[in-house]
Amino acid sequence: MSAEARREQFVSAATEVMSANGLEHATTRAIAAAAGAPQGPSTPRRASSRRSATA
């Protein structure tokens, strides 16, 4: 798939997600899922994992 075709796929997915869920709920995760993109290896971090080691 060309880069332009992939971009169009994401634009369409974003439009669908925003139309269905509203802008407030249009997350990158939801858009990527609608575009059929694989979820990356990262997971949401908890607040405790962002604390300073010296705190």
C-alpha atoms as a PDB file:
ATOM      1  CA  MET A   1       0.000   0.000   0.000  1.00  0.00           C
ATOM      2  CA  SER A   2       1.371   3.409  -0.907  1.00  0.00           C
ATOM      3  CA  ALA A   3       1.958   6.051   1.733  1.00  0.00           C
ATOM      4  CA  GLU A   4      -0.759   8.197   0.174  1.00  0.00           C
ATOM      5  CA  ALA A   5      -3.280   5.341   0.301  1.00  0.00           C
ATOM      6  CA  ARG A   6      -2.370   4.614   3.935  1.00  0.00           C
ATOM      7  CA  ARG A   7      -2.767   8.288   4.806  1.00  0.00           C
ATOM      8  CA  GLU A   8      -6.208   8.326   3.188  1.00  0.00           C
ATOM      9  CA  GLN A   9      -7.118   5.223   5.178  1.00  0.00           C
ATOM     10  CA  PHE A  10      -6.238   7.039   8.413  1.00  0.00           C
ATOM     11  CA  VAL A  11      -8.096  10.196   7.385  1.00  0.00           C
ATOM     12  CA  SER A  12     -11.207   8.123   6.650  1.00  0.00           C
ATOM     13  CA  ALA A  13     -10.856   6.251   9.930  1.00  0.00           C
ATOM     14  CA  ALA A  14     -10.461   9.506  11.869  1.00  0.00           C
ATOM     15  CA  THR A  15     -13.549  10.954  10.206  1.00  0.00           C
ATOM     16  CA  GLU A  16     -15.576   7.845  11.045  1.00  0.00           C
ATOM     17  CA  VAL A  17     -14.430   7.758  14.677  1.00  0.00           C
ATOM     18  CA  MET A  18     -15.089  11.469  15.186  1.00  0.00           C
ATOM     19  CA  SER A  19     -18.521  11.193  13.562  1.00  0.00           C
ATOM     20  CA  ALA A  20     -19.505   8.192  15.653  1.00  0.00           C
ATOM     21  CA  ASN A  21     -17.983   9.159  19.005  1.00  0.00           C
ATOM     22  CA  GLY A  22     -17.498  12.918  18.938  1.00  0.00           C
ATOM     23  CA  LEU A  23     -14.229  14.788  18.956  1.00  0.00           C
ATOM     24  CA  GLU A  24     -13.794  14.351  22.716  1.00  0.00           C
ATOM     25  CA  HIS A  25     -13.646  10.567  22.355  1.00  0.00           C
ATOM     26  CA  ALA A  26     -11.616  10.380  19.150  1.00  0.00           C
ATOM     27  CA  THR A  27      -8.436   8.905  20.560  1.00  0.00           C
ATOM     28  CA  THR A  28      -5.435   7.920  18.496  1.00  0.00           C
ATOM     29  CA  ARG A  29      -5.996   4.358  19.696  1.00  0.00           C
ATOM     30  CA  ALA A  30      -9.578   4.334  18.373  1.00  0.00           C
ATOM     31  CA  ILE A  31      -8.519   5.864  15.065  1.00  0.00           C
ATOM     32  CA  ALA A  32      -5.665   3.395  14.633  1.00  0.00           C
ATOM     33  CA  ALA A  33      -8.006   0.493  15.389  1.00  0.00           C
ATOM     34  CA  ALA A  34     -10.528   1.772  12.841  1.00  0.00           C
ATOM     35  CA  ALA A  35      -7.715   2.062  10.280  1.00  0.00           C
ATOM     36  CA  GLY A  36      -6.610  -1.509  10.994  1.00  0.00           C
ATOM     37  CA  ALA A  37      -3.219  -0.474  12.348  1.00  0.00           C
ATOM     38  CA  PRO A  38      -1.531  -2.788  14.824  1.00  0.00           C
ATOM     39  CA  GLN A  39      -1.303  -1.558  18.386  1.00  0.00           C
ATOM     40  CA  GLY A  40       2.266  -0.772  19.352  1.00  0.00           C
ATOM     41  CA  PRO A  41       4.103  -2.421  22.212  1.00  0.00           C
ATOM     42  CA  SER A  42       3.542   0.521  24.549  1.00  0.00           C
ATOM     43  CA  THR A  43       0.805   0.474  27.137  1.00  0.00           C
ATOM     44  CA  PRO A  44      -0.648   3.364  29.128  1.00  0.00           C
ATOM     45  CA  ARG A  45       1.516   4.161  32.115  1.00  0.00           C
ATOM     46  CA  ARG A  46       0.073   4.446  35.579  1.00  0.00           C
ATOM     47  CA  ALA A  47       0.702   7.579  37.605  1.00  0.00           C
ATOM     48  CA  SER A  48       2.917   5.543  39.971  1.00  0.00           C
ATOM     49  CA  SER A  49       5.311   4.720  37.145  1.00  0.00           C
ATOM     50  CA  ARG A  50       5.874   8.432  36.461  1.00  0.00           C
ATOM     51  CA  ARG A  51       6.922   9.301  39.997  1.00  0.00           C
ATOM     52  CA  SER A  52      10.442  10.469  40.567  1.00  0.00           C
ATOM     53  CA  ALA A  53      12.813   7.930  42.084  1.00  0.00           C
ATOM     54  CA  THR A  54      13.878  10.573  44.596  1.00  0.00           C
ATOM     55  CA  ALA A  55      10.356  11.457  45.763  1.00  0.00           C
END
